[in-house]
Amino acid sequence: MQAAHEFIYDLAEKISMPAIYLEISRLMKKPNAEVGDFEKLVEADSMLTLRIIRIANSQFFGFKRKANNLYEAISLIGVIQVHDMLLSSLCLRAFYNIPEQVLNFNDFWRHGIQCGIAARTLAKFCGLPAGNRFFTLGLLLEIGHALMYIKAPDLSSKTLLVSQQYNRPLVTVEREYFGFDYCQLGAVLMRHWHLPEIYSQIIEHHLCPERTEPHYRMQTDLVNLAHRLLEEKGYLYNQLTQLLTYHQQLVPTPIPENIEQLVFNTIVEHGDEVLAMLTPYNCTQGEPSIPS
């Protein structure tokens, strides 16, 4: 995927993650790191501090006990889940200054948030921990398309038009015009940001889970279901039931027959709330106060 690496290289400065994320990532690798260490890093960014507390107290991400400060929020959410939520928020921050005529910020990320909510909701039905990681994976699935439209908006629009006119898979057309598809490009970005390997694996193979490494197959299958749910309806109950049977490490939870409607209800109920929480403060009409 040399072409994808070169594409990313030219954009490196525009889409770099803030230094605080790199510091958090380094701290996570220290076995003796404590909650207070993460608190000191995050509190240097007042808006990020506010966002983490709001996430901890939100209806969608929150817990039964309320967090009154950053230390309590990190303690409630957990370090790994804080990492994933910071990644979600900082990723939106990295892309927020792209001109609207190139990338409609709200429309693009609203779709990503819907996919993230679907992935997290399905993970909870399957009894999986670390649900916020599934949210972030769903959020970032199509990040490669954002990169394409930032650097080559005309060519990106052309590939979409050709795909629609000739009823051909978009990824196939993208490989012909770009030399790579949005999945491959997104995976290269994940490695450029030095994210855990699960991100690049799932983003690269979410359309074809059978191609992912065996260690990530179950997670990729689940995210694939979330992604497909937004494209085609009426199959989720059967597919999720098969998934629980195929992956024995999943808890064999009875799946409600109206699972599809339950997921869409969750998206409708929490989509705007989550978008508002993760959107950079200078893209909104001011930062809302912490929910009581």
Protein backbone atom coordinates (compact mmCIF):
# COMPACT_ATOMS: atom_id res chain seq x y z
CA MET A 1 0.00 0.00 0.00
CA GLN A 2 2.82 2.37 -0.89
CA ALA A 3 0.40 4.73 -2.64
CA ALA A 4 -1.69 5.03 0.55
CA HIS A 5 1.42 5.79 2.63
CA GLU A 6 2.45 8.54 0.21
CA PHE A 7 -1.09 9.96 0.29
CA ILE A 8 -0.97 10.13 4.10
CA TYR A 9 2.55 11.57 4.13
CA ASP A 10 1.45 14.67 2.25
CA LEU A 11 -1.35 15.23 4.78
CA ALA A 12 0.65 14.47 7.93
CA GLU A 13 0.72 18.01 9.32
CA LYS A 14 -2.97 18.71 8.64
CA ILE A 15 -4.23 15.59 10.40
CA SER A 16 -1.74 15.07 13.21
CA MET A 17 -3.09 14.10 16.62
CA PRO A 18 -2.50 16.60 19.45
CA ALA A 19 0.54 15.99 21.65
CA ILE A 20 -1.68 15.14 24.62
CA TYR A 21 -2.84 11.97 22.89
CA LEU A 22 0.72 10.79 22.38
CA GLU A 23 1.46 11.49 26.04
CA ILE A 24 -1.59 9.52 27.13
CA SER A 25 -0.55 6.62 24.89
CA ARG A 26 2.95 6.58 26.37
CA LEU A 27 1.55 6.68 29.90
CA MET A 28 -0.71 3.72 29.19
CA LYS A 29 2.37 1.60 28.47
CA LYS A 30 3.74 2.22 31.97
CA PRO A 31 2.63 -0.63 34.28
CA ASN A 32 2.80 1.54 37.41
CA ALA A 33 0.75 4.45 36.00
CA GLU A 34 -2.07 5.59 38.28
CA VAL A 35 -5.30 7.50 37.73
CA GLY A 36 -3.69 10.64 39.11
CA ASP A 37 -1.03 10.50 36.38
CA PHE A 38 -3.70 10.55 33.70
CA GLU A 39 -5.54 13.30 35.54
CA LYS A 40 -2.47 15.56 35.45
CA LEU A 41 -2.11 15.11 31.70
CA VAL A 42 -5.75 15.69 30.79
CA GLU A 43 -6.37 18.62 33.15
CA ALA A 44 -3.88 20.71 31.18
CA ASP A 45 -6.54 20.85 28.46
CA SER A 46 -9.59 22.49 30.06
CA MET A 47 -12.00 21.66 27.24
CA LEU A 48 -10.89 18.04 27.13
CA THR A 49 -11.28 17.87 30.90
CA LEU A 50 -14.84 19.13 30.64
CA ARG A 51 -15.58 16.68 27.85
CA ILE A 52 -14.36 13.65 29.82
CA ILE A 53 -16.51 14.63 32.81
CA ARG A 54 -19.52 15.12 30.56
CA ILE A 55 -18.94 11.71 28.98
CA ALA A 56 -18.77 10.07 32.40
CA ASN A 57 -22.06 11.71 33.38
CA SER A 58 -23.87 11.30 30.06
CA GLN A 59 -26.84 9.00 29.60
CA PHE A 60 -25.18 7.06 26.79
CA PHE A 61 -21.65 6.60 28.13
CA GLY A 62 -22.30 7.25 31.78
CA PHE A 63 -22.48 5.24 34.97
CA LYS A 64 -24.87 4.99 37.89
CA ARG A 65 -22.60 7.13 40.06
CA LYS A 66 -21.91 10.72 38.98
CA ALA A 67 -18.41 12.14 38.56
CA ASN A 68 -17.83 15.50 40.24
CA ASN A 69 -14.32 16.01 38.91
CA LEU A 70 -11.79 14.68 36.41
CA TYR A 71 -10.25 12.16 38.80
CA GLU A 72 -13.64 10.59 39.51
CA ALA A 73 -14.51 10.58 35.79
CA ILE A 74 -11.33 8.71 34.85
CA SER A 75 -11.82 6.30 37.74
CA LEU A 76 -15.39 5.57 36.65
CA ILE A 77 -14.70 5.19 32.95
CA GLY A 78 -11.41 3.31 33.30
CA VAL A 79 -8.07 4.15 31.71
CA ILE A 80 -8.51 2.06 28.54
CA GLN A 81 -11.97 3.44 27.92
CA VAL A 82 -10.74 6.98 28.60
CA HIS A 83 -8.09 6.39 25.94
CA ASP A 84 -10.76 5.41 23.42
CA MET A 85 -13.00 8.36 24.25
CA LEU A 86 -10.08 10.77 24.09
CA LEU A 87 -9.26 9.30 20.71
CA SER A 88 -12.82 9.90 19.51
CA SER A 89 -12.83 13.51 20.66
CA LEU A 90 -9.32 14.35 19.52
CA CYS A 91 -9.92 12.76 16.14
CA LEU A 92 -12.82 15.12 15.55
CA ARG A 93 -10.59 17.96 16.69
CA ALA A 94 -7.90 16.95 14.18
CA PHE A 95 -10.39 17.29 11.32
CA TYR A 96 -12.58 20.18 12.47
CA ASN A 97 -10.82 22.94 10.48
CA ILE A 98 -11.39 21.33 7.09
CA PRO A 99 -13.42 23.72 4.85
CA GLU A 100 -17.11 22.78 4.75
CA GLN A 101 -17.16 22.74 0.94
CA VAL A 102 -14.59 19.92 1.15
CA LEU A 103 -16.02 17.96 4.09
CA ASN A 104 -19.31 18.66 5.83
CA PHE A 105 -18.12 18.13 9.39
CA ASN A 106 -21.49 17.45 10.98
CA ASP A 107 -22.82 15.14 8.26
CA PHE A 108 -19.66 13.04 8.08
CA TRP A 109 -19.24 12.60 11.81
CA ARG A 110 -22.94 12.17 12.45
CA HIS A 111 -22.84 9.06 10.26
CA GLY A 112 -19.71 7.87 12.08
CA ILE A 113 -21.36 8.40 15.45
CA GLN A 114 -24.40 6.44 14.32
CA CYS A 115 -22.15 3.55 13.34
CA GLY A 116 -20.28 3.87 16.65
CA ILE A 117 -23.50 3.79 18.64
CA ALA A 118 -24.66 0.73 16.69
CA ALA A 119 -21.34 -1.07 17.30
CA ARG A 120 -21.32 -0.26 21.01
CA THR A 121 -24.95 -1.29 21.42
CA LEU A 122 -24.38 -4.62 19.68
CA ALA A 123 -21.28 -5.22 21.81
CA LYS A 124 -23.35 -4.72 24.96
CA PHE A 125 -25.97 -7.18 23.72
CA CYS A 126 -23.15 -9.68 23.20
CA GLY A 127 -21.89 -9.17 26.75
CA LEU A 128 -18.59 -7.64 25.64
CA PRO A 129 -16.61 -5.30 27.91
CA ALA A 130 -14.89 -2.11 26.74
CA GLY A 131 -17.94 -0.99 24.80
CA ASN A 132 -16.44 2.45 24.24
CA ARG A 133 -13.73 0.89 22.08
CA PHE A 134 -16.43 -0.47 19.79
CA PHE A 135 -17.94 3.00 19.65
CA THR A 136 -14.62 4.50 18.58
CA LEU A 137 -14.03 1.77 16.01
CA GLY A 138 -17.43 2.44 14.47
CA LEU A 139 -16.79 6.17 14.52
CA LEU A 140 -13.52 5.83 12.60
CA LEU A 141 -14.53 3.18 10.06
CA GLU A 142 -14.81 5.61 7.14
CA ILE A 143 -12.04 7.99 8.15
CA GLY A 144 -10.29 7.11 4.89
CA HIS A 145 -13.05 8.86 2.96
CA ALA A 146 -12.43 12.04 4.93
CA LEU A 147 -8.78 11.92 3.90
CA MET A 148 -9.68 11.37 0.25
CA TYR A 149 -12.03 14.34 0.16
CA ILE A 150 -9.53 16.57 1.95
CA LYS A 151 -6.70 15.95 -0.51
CA ALA A 152 -8.51 14.96 -3.72
CA PRO A 153 -12.16 16.14 -3.54
CA ASP A 154 -12.77 16.05 -7.31
CA LEU A 155 -11.37 12.56 -7.76
CA SER A 156 -13.26 11.35 -4.69
CA SER A 157 -16.51 12.68 -6.09
CA LYS A 158 -15.76 11.05 -9.42
CA THR A 159 -15.20 7.62 -7.87
CA LEU A 160 -18.52 7.90 -6.05
CA LEU A 161 -20.31 8.90 -9.26
CA VAL A 162 -18.77 6.03 -11.25
CA SER A 163 -19.69 3.60 -8.49
CA GLN A 164 -23.31 4.75 -8.54
CA GLN A 165 -23.65 5.00 -12.32
CA TYR A 166 -22.27 1.53 -13.04
CA ASN A 167 -23.45 -0.15 -9.83
CA ARG A 168 -19.92 -1.15 -8.90
CA PRO A 169 -18.51 -1.45 -5.35
CA LEU A 170 -17.03 1.89 -4.32
CA VAL A 171 -13.86 0.27 -2.97
CA THR A 172 -13.23 -1.36 -6.36
CA VAL A 173 -13.52 1.97 -8.15
CA GLU A 174 -11.31 3.67 -5.55
CA ARG A 175 -8.55 1.11 -6.09
CA GLU A 176 -8.65 1.84 -9.82
CA TYR A 177 -8.48 5.64 -9.43
CA PHE A 178 -6.38 6.00 -6.26
CA GLY A 179 -4.41 2.75 -6.11
CA PHE A 180 -6.04 1.97 -2.74
CA ASP A 181 -9.48 2.10 -1.13
CA TYR A 182 -10.78 4.03 1.86
CA CYS A 183 -10.40 1.00 4.15
CA GLN A 184 -6.71 0.63 3.34
CA LEU A 185 -6.14 4.37 3.65
CA GLY A 186 -7.86 4.47 7.03
CA ALA A 187 -5.70 1.60 8.28
CA VAL A 188 -2.56 3.44 7.20
CA LEU A 189 -3.72 6.49 9.16
CA MET A 190 -4.28 4.37 12.28
CA ARG A 191 -0.69 3.13 12.05
CA HIS A 192 0.54 6.65 11.35
CA TRP A 193 -1.12 7.69 14.61
CA HIS A 194 0.44 4.65 16.38
CA LEU A 195 -2.92 3.36 17.56
CA PRO A 196 -3.37 -0.17 18.93
CA GLU A 197 -3.33 -2.74 16.10
CA ILE A 198 -7.02 -3.54 16.55
CA TYR A 199 -7.87 -0.20 14.93
CA SER A 200 -5.94 -0.75 11.72
CA GLN A 201 -7.08 -4.38 11.49
CA ILE A 202 -10.79 -3.64 11.82
CA ILE A 203 -10.80 -0.49 9.71
CA GLU A 204 -8.91 -2.22 6.88
CA HIS A 205 -11.05 -5.38 6.89
CA HIS A 206 -14.48 -4.30 8.13
CA LEU A 207 -16.02 -4.98 4.72
CA CYS A 208 -14.38 -8.44 4.51
CA PRO A 209 -13.94 -9.72 8.10
CA GLU A 210 -12.58 -13.06 6.88
CA ARG A 211 -9.39 -11.27 5.81
CA THR A 212 -8.53 -9.96 9.25
CA GLU A 213 -6.11 -11.71 11.58
CA PRO A 214 -7.84 -14.47 13.61
CA HIS A 215 -7.23 -12.62 16.87
CA TYR A 216 -9.46 -9.75 15.67
CA ARG A 217 -12.06 -11.71 13.74
CA MET A 218 -14.84 -11.57 16.31
CA GLN A 219 -14.55 -7.80 16.81
CA THR A 220 -14.38 -7.25 13.04
CA ASP A 221 -17.51 -9.35 12.48
CA LEU A 222 -19.41 -7.30 15.03
CA VAL A 223 -18.32 -3.94 13.63
CA ASN A 224 -19.17 -5.22 10.15
CA LEU A 225 -22.73 -5.86 11.35
CA ALA A 226 -22.99 -2.33 12.73
CA HIS A 227 -21.72 -0.86 9.46
CA ARG A 228 -24.07 -2.95 7.32
CA LEU A 229 -27.03 -2.11 9.54
CA LEU A 230 -26.88 1.52 8.38
CA GLU A 231 -26.80 0.40 4.74
CA GLU A 232 -29.34 -2.42 4.61
CA LYS A 233 -32.07 -3.42 7.04
CA GLY A 234 -33.93 -6.59 7.91
CA TYR A 235 -31.12 -9.07 8.54
CA LEU A 236 -29.61 -8.12 11.91
CA TYR A 237 -31.42 -10.60 14.15
CA ASN A 238 -30.35 -13.64 12.13
CA GLN A 239 -26.81 -12.39 11.58
CA LEU A 240 -26.23 -11.52 15.22
CA THR A 241 -27.62 -14.87 16.34
CA GLN A 242 -25.21 -16.64 13.98
CA LEU A 243 -22.37 -14.50 15.28
CA LEU A 244 -23.03 -15.59 18.86
CA THR A 245 -23.03 -19.22 17.74
CA TYR A 246 -19.86 -18.90 15.64
CA HIS A 247 -17.74 -17.07 18.22
CA GLN A 248 -17.78 -19.23 21.31
CA GLN A 249 -16.03 -16.58 23.43
CA LEU A 250 -19.19 -14.49 23.26
CA VAL A 251 -21.83 -14.86 25.94
CA PRO A 252 -24.75 -16.79 24.37
CA THR A 253 -27.30 -14.07 25.23
CA PRO A 254 -30.85 -14.42 23.87
CA ILE A 255 -31.22 -11.77 21.18
CA PRO A 256 -34.58 -9.95 21.11
CA GLU A 257 -36.31 -10.25 17.77
CA ASN A 258 -36.66 -6.46 17.60
CA ILE A 259 -32.90 -5.94 18.08
CA GLU A 260 -32.71 -3.88 14.91
CA GLN A 261 -35.34 -1.43 16.14
CA LEU A 262 -33.69 -1.26 19.55
CA VAL A 263 -30.38 -0.23 17.95
CA PHE A 264 -32.04 2.45 15.83
CA ASN A 265 -33.94 3.73 18.86
CA THR A 266 -30.62 4.11 20.68
CA ILE A 267 -29.16 6.01 17.73
CA VAL A 268 -32.14 8.37 17.62
CA GLU A 269 -32.13 8.88 21.39
CA HIS A 270 -28.41 9.57 21.82
CA GLY A 271 -26.98 10.58 18.42
CA ASP A 272 -27.27 14.35 18.86
CA GLU A 273 -26.09 14.16 22.47
CA VAL A 274 -22.93 12.25 21.53
CA LEU A 275 -22.16 14.52 18.57
CA ALA A 276 -22.44 17.58 20.81
CA MET A 277 -20.15 16.02 23.43
CA LEU A 278 -17.41 15.09 20.97
CA THR A 279 -17.54 18.10 18.66
CA PRO A 280 -14.68 20.57 19.24
CA TYR A 281 -15.90 23.54 21.24
CA ASN A 282 -15.09 26.09 18.55
CA CYS A 283 -17.39 24.25 16.12
CA THR A 284 -20.39 24.85 18.37
CA GLN A 285 -22.19 27.80 19.89
CA GLY A 286 -20.12 27.38 23.03
CA GLU A 287 -19.37 24.49 25.32
CA PRO A 288 -22.48 23.28 27.16
CA SER A 289 -22.33 22.94 30.92
CA ILE A 290 -21.76 19.64 32.68
CA PRO A 291 -25.02 17.71 33.09
CA SER A 292 -26.09 17.49 36.71
